[in-house]
């Protein structure tokens, strides 16, 4: 039951990351930062215009950071909550869950499962 809870938690994590478009949000934030760098290097813009554009980019980056942080916390909280519920229901001990989660073979299997779920959820 412990392994099933870990696997279901991982599937939930991957699906939440996928549904919230978390990877896309991170890519967009990176592109915004790159655009701000290009603005700073643009010799055609005066300093006041550069300053205004960079401040706008900084504000967008801060908002993006908060959105990414919130989505990441939600994605990480779901599997933790699932495992905690199973533990509270007495389906397994917390020690068993932690031991299973620390097992290298389980890590390999869960990584393979995560890749499979990621590819199938497109």
N, C-alpha and C. Protein backbone atom coordinates (compact mmCIF):
# COMPACT_ATOMS: atom_id res chain seq x y z
N UNK A 1 0.82 -1.19 0.00
CA UNK A 1 0.00 0.00 0.00
C UNK A 1 0.87 1.26 0.00
N UNK A 2 2.02 1.18 0.65
CA UNK A 2 2.93 2.32 0.70
C UNK A 2 3.40 2.70 -0.69
N UNK A 3 3.78 1.70 -1.47
CA UNK A 3 4.27 1.96 -2.82
C UNK A 3 3.17 2.52 -3.71
N UNK A 4 1.96 2.03 -3.52
CA UNK A 4 0.83 2.55 -4.30
C UNK A 4 0.58 4.02 -3.97
N UNK A 5 0.66 4.36 -2.69
CA UNK A 5 0.46 5.77 -2.29
C UNK A 5 1.53 6.66 -2.90
N UNK A 6 2.78 6.18 -2.89
CA UNK A 6 3.86 6.97 -3.49
C UNK A 6 3.64 7.14 -4.99
N UNK A 7 3.24 6.05 -5.65
CA UNK A 7 3.01 6.11 -7.09
C UNK A 7 1.84 7.03 -7.43
N UNK A 8 0.75 6.91 -6.69
CA UNK A 8 -0.42 7.77 -6.94
C UNK A 8 -0.07 9.23 -6.65
N UNK A 9 0.70 9.46 -5.60
CA UNK A 9 1.13 10.82 -5.29
C UNK A 9 1.99 11.41 -6.40
N UNK A 10 2.87 10.59 -6.95
CA UNK A 10 3.72 11.06 -8.04
C UNK A 10 2.89 11.36 -9.28
N UNK A 11 1.96 10.48 -9.60
CA UNK A 11 1.08 10.73 -10.75
C UNK A 11 0.31 12.03 -10.54
N UNK A 12 -0.19 12.24 -9.33
CA UNK A 12 -0.88 13.49 -9.03
C UNK A 12 0.01 14.70 -9.22
N UNK A 13 1.25 14.60 -8.75
CA UNK A 13 2.22 15.69 -8.90
C UNK A 13 2.43 16.02 -10.38
N UNK A 14 2.68 15.00 -11.18
CA UNK A 14 2.93 15.22 -12.60
C UNK A 14 1.71 15.83 -13.28
N UNK A 15 0.54 15.33 -12.96
CA UNK A 15 -0.67 15.86 -13.59
C UNK A 15 -0.95 17.30 -13.17
N UNK A 16 -0.68 17.63 -11.92
CA UNK A 16 -0.86 19.02 -11.47
C UNK A 16 0.13 19.94 -12.18
N UNK A 17 1.39 19.52 -12.26
CA UNK A 17 2.39 20.32 -12.98
C UNK A 17 1.96 20.52 -14.43
N UNK A 18 1.44 19.45 -15.02
CA UNK A 18 1.00 19.50 -16.42
C UNK A 18 -0.22 20.42 -16.59
N UNK A 19 -1.22 20.23 -15.73
CA UNK A 19 -2.47 21.00 -15.85
C UNK A 19 -2.27 22.49 -15.56
N UNK A 20 -1.37 22.80 -14.66
CA UNK A 20 -1.11 24.20 -14.33
C UNK A 20 -0.11 24.85 -15.29
N UNK A 21 0.37 24.08 -16.26
CA UNK A 21 1.35 24.56 -17.25
C UNK A 21 2.56 25.19 -16.56
N UNK A 22 3.05 24.52 -15.54
CA UNK A 22 4.14 25.07 -14.74
C UNK A 22 5.42 25.23 -15.55
N UNK A 23 5.72 24.27 -16.40
CA UNK A 23 6.94 24.36 -17.21
C UNK A 23 6.85 25.57 -18.14
N UNK A 24 5.68 25.77 -18.73
CA UNK A 24 5.49 26.92 -19.63
C UNK A 24 5.63 28.24 -18.87
N UNK A 25 5.12 28.29 -17.65
CA UNK A 25 5.23 29.50 -16.83
C UNK A 25 6.70 29.84 -16.54
N UNK A 26 7.49 28.82 -16.26
CA UNK A 26 8.92 29.03 -16.00
C UNK A 26 9.62 29.50 -17.28
N UNK A 27 9.28 28.89 -18.41
CA UNK A 27 9.88 29.31 -19.67
C UNK A 27 9.51 30.75 -20.00
N UNK A 28 8.26 31.12 -19.78
CA UNK A 28 7.82 32.49 -20.05
C UNK A 28 8.56 33.49 -19.16
N UNK A 29 8.76 33.15 -17.90
CA UNK A 29 9.50 34.03 -16.99
C UNK A 29 10.94 34.20 -17.47
N UNK A 30 11.55 33.13 -17.92
CA UNK A 30 12.91 33.21 -18.44
C UNK A 30 13.00 34.07 -19.69
N UNK A 31 12.01 33.93 -20.57
CA UNK A 31 11.99 34.76 -21.78
C UNK A 31 11.79 36.23 -21.44
N UNK A 32 10.98 36.51 -20.43
CA UNK A 32 10.80 37.89 -20.00
C UNK A 32 12.09 38.50 -19.48
N UNK A 33 12.85 37.71 -18.74
CA UNK A 33 14.14 38.19 -18.23
C UNK A 33 15.11 38.43 -19.38
N UNK A 34 15.10 37.54 -20.37
CA UNK A 34 15.97 37.74 -21.53
C UNK A 34 15.59 39.00 -22.30
N UNK A 35 14.29 39.25 -22.41
CA UNK A 35 13.83 40.46 -23.10
C UNK A 35 14.31 41.72 -22.37
N UNK A 36 14.31 41.68 -21.04
CA UNK A 36 14.79 42.82 -20.27
C UNK A 36 16.27 43.06 -20.51
N UNK A 37 17.02 41.99 -20.64
CA UNK A 37 18.46 42.13 -20.92
C UNK A 37 18.66 42.76 -22.30
N UNK A 38 17.87 42.33 -23.27
CA UNK A 38 17.98 42.91 -24.61
C UNK A 38 17.63 44.40 -24.61
N UNK A 39 16.65 44.79 -23.80
CA UNK A 39 16.30 46.20 -23.68
C UNK A 39 17.50 46.99 -23.16
N UNK A 40 18.17 46.46 -22.16
CA UNK A 40 19.33 47.16 -21.59
C UNK A 40 20.45 47.33 -22.61
N UNK A 41 20.55 46.41 -23.53
CA UNK A 41 21.63 46.47 -24.53
C UNK A 41 21.26 47.28 -25.77
N UNK A 42 20.00 47.66 -25.90
CA UNK A 42 19.53 48.35 -27.10
C UNK A 42 20.04 49.80 -27.11
N UNK A 43 20.95 50.14 -28.04
CA UNK A 43 21.49 51.50 -28.08
C UNK A 43 20.48 52.53 -28.60
N UNK A 44 19.41 52.08 -29.22
CA UNK A 44 18.41 53.01 -29.77
C UNK A 44 17.51 53.60 -28.70
N UNK A 45 17.46 53.00 -27.53
CA UNK A 45 16.59 53.48 -26.45
C UNK A 45 17.36 54.40 -25.51
N UNK A 46 16.69 55.46 -25.08
CA UNK A 46 17.34 56.34 -24.10
C UNK A 46 17.21 55.72 -22.70
N UNK A 47 17.95 56.27 -21.75
CA UNK A 47 18.01 55.69 -20.41
C UNK A 47 16.65 55.68 -19.71
N UNK A 48 15.87 56.72 -19.90
CA UNK A 48 14.56 56.78 -19.24
C UNK A 48 13.64 55.67 -19.76
N UNK A 49 13.66 55.46 -21.06
CA UNK A 49 12.83 54.40 -21.66
C UNK A 49 13.31 53.02 -21.20
N UNK A 50 14.63 52.83 -21.18
CA UNK A 50 15.19 51.56 -20.70
C UNK A 50 14.75 51.30 -19.26
N UNK A 51 14.85 52.34 -18.44
CA UNK A 51 14.48 52.21 -17.03
C UNK A 51 13.02 51.80 -16.89
N UNK A 52 12.14 52.44 -17.64
CA UNK A 52 10.71 52.13 -17.56
C UNK A 52 10.43 50.69 -18.00
N UNK A 53 11.06 50.28 -19.10
CA UNK A 53 10.83 48.92 -19.60
C UNK A 53 11.39 47.86 -18.65
N UNK A 54 12.55 48.13 -18.08
CA UNK A 54 13.15 47.17 -17.15
C UNK A 54 12.33 47.09 -15.86
N UNK A 55 11.80 48.21 -15.40
CA UNK A 55 10.95 48.17 -14.20
C UNK A 55 9.68 47.37 -14.46
N UNK A 56 9.10 47.54 -15.63
CA UNK A 56 7.92 46.75 -15.99
C UNK A 56 8.26 45.26 -16.04
N UNK A 57 9.41 44.94 -16.62
CA UNK A 57 9.84 43.55 -16.70
C UNK A 57 10.10 42.98 -15.31
N UNK A 58 10.67 43.79 -14.43
CA UNK A 58 10.92 43.34 -13.05
C UNK A 58 9.62 43.05 -12.33
N UNK A 59 8.62 43.88 -12.53
CA UNK A 59 7.31 43.65 -11.90
C UNK A 59 6.68 42.36 -12.43
N UNK A 60 6.76 42.15 -13.75
CA UNK A 60 6.22 40.91 -14.33
C UNK A 60 6.97 39.69 -13.81
N UNK A 61 8.28 39.83 -13.66
CA UNK A 61 9.08 38.72 -13.14
C UNK A 61 8.70 38.40 -11.70
N UNK A 62 8.46 39.41 -10.89
CA UNK A 62 8.05 39.18 -9.50
C UNK A 62 6.70 38.47 -9.44
N UNK A 63 5.76 38.90 -10.27
CA UNK A 63 4.45 38.24 -10.31
C UNK A 63 4.61 36.80 -10.79
N UNK A 64 5.43 36.61 -11.82
CA UNK A 64 5.67 35.25 -12.33
C UNK A 64 6.27 34.36 -11.25
N UNK A 65 7.20 34.92 -10.48
CA UNK A 65 7.81 34.15 -9.40
C UNK A 65 6.76 33.69 -8.40
N UNK A 66 5.86 34.59 -8.02
CA UNK A 66 4.82 34.23 -7.05
C UNK A 66 3.87 33.18 -7.61
N UNK A 67 3.53 33.29 -8.88
CA UNK A 67 2.66 32.30 -9.51
C UNK A 67 3.36 30.95 -9.56
N UNK A 68 4.62 30.95 -9.98
CA UNK A 68 5.39 29.70 -10.06
C UNK A 68 5.54 29.08 -8.67
N UNK A 69 5.81 29.91 -7.68
CA UNK A 69 5.94 29.41 -6.31
C UNK A 69 4.64 28.78 -5.84
N UNK A 70 3.52 29.45 -6.06
CA UNK A 70 2.23 28.90 -5.66
C UNK A 70 1.90 27.59 -6.35
N UNK A 71 2.13 27.54 -7.65
CA UNK A 71 1.88 26.30 -8.40
C UNK A 71 2.79 25.17 -7.93
N UNK A 72 4.04 25.50 -7.65
CA UNK A 72 4.99 24.49 -7.17
C UNK A 72 4.59 23.95 -5.81
N UNK A 73 4.18 24.85 -4.92
CA UNK A 73 3.73 24.41 -3.59
C UNK A 73 2.51 23.51 -3.69
N UNK A 74 1.57 23.88 -4.56
CA UNK A 74 0.38 23.05 -4.75
C UNK A 74 0.76 21.67 -5.28
N UNK A 75 1.63 21.64 -6.28
CA UNK A 75 2.04 20.37 -6.87
C UNK A 75 2.78 19.49 -5.86
N UNK A 76 3.59 20.09 -5.01
CA UNK A 76 4.33 19.32 -4.00
C UNK A 76 3.45 18.91 -2.83
N UNK A 77 2.46 19.74 -2.51
CA UNK A 77 1.60 19.44 -1.36
C UNK A 77 0.68 18.26 -1.63
N UNK A 78 0.26 18.08 -2.86
CA UNK A 78 -0.70 17.02 -3.18
C UNK A 78 -0.17 15.63 -2.82
N UNK A 79 1.03 15.22 -3.27
CA UNK A 79 1.49 13.89 -2.90
C UNK A 79 1.79 13.76 -1.41
N UNK A 80 2.30 14.82 -0.80
CA UNK A 80 2.56 14.78 0.64
C UNK A 80 1.26 14.57 1.40
N UNK A 81 0.24 15.29 1.00
CA UNK A 81 -1.07 15.16 1.63
C UNK A 81 -1.64 13.76 1.44
N UNK A 82 -1.49 13.22 0.25
CA UNK A 82 -1.99 11.87 -0.02
C UNK A 82 -1.30 10.83 0.87
N UNK A 83 0.01 10.92 0.98
CA UNK A 83 0.75 9.97 1.83
C UNK A 83 0.37 10.18 3.30
N UNK A 84 0.21 11.43 3.71
CA UNK A 84 -0.18 11.70 5.10
C UNK A 84 -1.57 11.15 5.42
N UNK A 85 -2.48 11.24 4.47
CA UNK A 85 -3.83 10.69 4.69
C UNK A 85 -3.76 9.18 4.86
N UNK A 86 -2.99 8.51 4.01
CA UNK A 86 -2.83 7.06 4.15
C UNK A 86 -2.23 6.67 5.48
N UNK A 87 -1.27 7.45 5.93
CA UNK A 87 -0.65 7.20 7.24
C UNK A 87 -1.66 7.40 8.35
N UNK A 88 -2.44 8.49 8.28
CA UNK A 88 -3.44 8.78 9.31
C UNK A 88 -4.55 7.73 9.33
N UNK A 89 -4.87 7.17 8.18
CA UNK A 89 -5.89 6.12 8.11
C UNK A 89 -5.36 4.77 8.56
N UNK A 90 -4.06 4.70 8.84
CA UNK A 90 -3.46 3.46 9.32
C UNK A 90 -3.15 2.47 8.22
N UNK A 91 -3.09 2.93 6.98
CA UNK A 91 -2.79 2.03 5.87
C UNK A 91 -1.32 1.60 5.87
N UNK A 92 -0.46 2.41 6.45
CA UNK A 92 0.96 2.10 6.57
C UNK A 92 1.53 3.03 7.63
N UNK A 93 2.71 2.69 8.10
CA UNK A 93 3.36 3.55 9.10
C UNK A 93 4.14 4.65 8.38
N UNK A 94 4.38 5.72 9.09
CA UNK A 94 5.17 6.81 8.52
C UNK A 94 6.59 6.33 8.24
N UNK A 95 7.13 5.48 9.11
CA UNK A 95 8.47 4.93 8.89
C UNK A 95 8.53 4.13 7.60
N UNK A 96 7.48 3.34 7.34
CA UNK A 96 7.44 2.54 6.10
C UNK A 96 7.38 3.45 4.88
N UNK A 97 6.60 4.52 4.96
CA UNK A 97 6.49 5.45 3.83
C UNK A 97 7.82 6.14 3.58
N UNK A 98 8.48 6.59 4.64
CA UNK A 98 9.77 7.26 4.48
C UNK A 98 10.84 6.30 3.98
N UNK A 99 10.82 5.06 4.48
CA UNK A 99 11.79 4.07 4.01
C UNK A 99 11.57 3.76 2.53
N UNK A 100 10.32 3.62 2.14
CA UNK A 100 10.02 3.34 0.73
C UNK A 100 10.43 4.52 -0.15
N UNK A 101 10.17 5.73 0.31
CA UNK A 101 10.51 6.91 -0.48
C UNK A 101 12.02 7.10 -0.60
N UNK A 102 12.79 6.55 0.34
CA UNK A 102 14.24 6.69 0.31
C UNK A 102 14.94 5.54 -0.42
N UNK A 103 14.21 4.54 -0.82
CA UNK A 103 14.78 3.37 -1.48
C UNK A 103 15.19 3.72 -2.92
N UNK A 104 16.45 3.50 -3.29
CA UNK A 104 16.90 3.85 -4.65
C UNK A 104 16.12 3.14 -5.75
N UNK A 105 15.73 1.90 -5.52
CA UNK A 105 14.95 1.18 -6.53
C UNK A 105 13.60 1.85 -6.73
N UNK A 106 13.00 2.30 -5.64
CA UNK A 106 11.72 3.01 -5.74
C UNK A 106 11.91 4.32 -6.50
N UNK A 107 13.02 5.00 -6.24
CA UNK A 107 13.31 6.25 -6.97
C UNK A 107 13.39 5.99 -8.48
N UNK A 108 14.07 4.92 -8.84
CA UNK A 108 14.21 4.59 -10.27
C UNK A 108 12.84 4.27 -10.86
N UNK A 109 12.07 3.46 -10.16
CA UNK A 109 10.74 3.08 -10.65
C UNK A 109 9.83 4.30 -10.74
N UNK A 110 9.85 5.16 -9.74
CA UNK A 110 9.00 6.34 -9.76
C UNK A 110 9.44 7.34 -10.83
N UNK A 111 10.74 7.42 -11.08
CA UNK A 111 11.22 8.29 -12.15
C UNK A 111 10.72 7.79 -13.50
N UNK A 112 10.80 6.48 -13.71
CA UNK A 112 10.28 5.90 -14.95
C UNK A 112 8.78 6.15 -15.07
N UNK A 113 8.06 5.99 -13.96
CA UNK A 113 6.62 6.25 -13.96
C UNK A 113 6.34 7.72 -14.27
N UNK A 114 7.10 8.63 -13.69
CA UNK A 114 6.90 10.06 -13.94
C UNK A 114 7.10 10.39 -15.42
N UNK A 115 8.14 9.82 -16.01
CA UNK A 115 8.40 10.06 -17.44
C UNK A 115 7.25 9.52 -18.27
N UNK A 116 6.78 8.33 -17.95
CA UNK A 116 5.66 7.73 -18.68
C UNK A 116 4.40 8.58 -18.56
N UNK A 117 4.07 8.99 -17.35
CA UNK A 117 2.88 9.82 -17.14
C UNK A 117 3.02 11.15 -17.86
N UNK A 118 4.21 11.74 -17.82
CA UNK A 118 4.45 13.01 -18.49
C UNK A 118 4.19 12.88 -19.99
N UNK A 119 4.74 11.82 -20.58
CA UNK A 119 4.57 11.61 -22.02
C UNK A 119 3.13 11.30 -22.39
N UNK A 120 2.45 10.50 -21.56
CA UNK A 120 1.07 10.11 -21.86
C UNK A 120 0.07 11.23 -21.61
N UNK A 121 0.43 12.20 -20.81
CA UNK A 121 -0.52 13.26 -20.45
C UNK A 121 -0.49 14.44 -21.42
N UNK A 122 0.22 14.31 -22.50
CA UNK A 122 0.29 15.41 -23.49
C UNK A 122 -0.99 15.58 -24.21
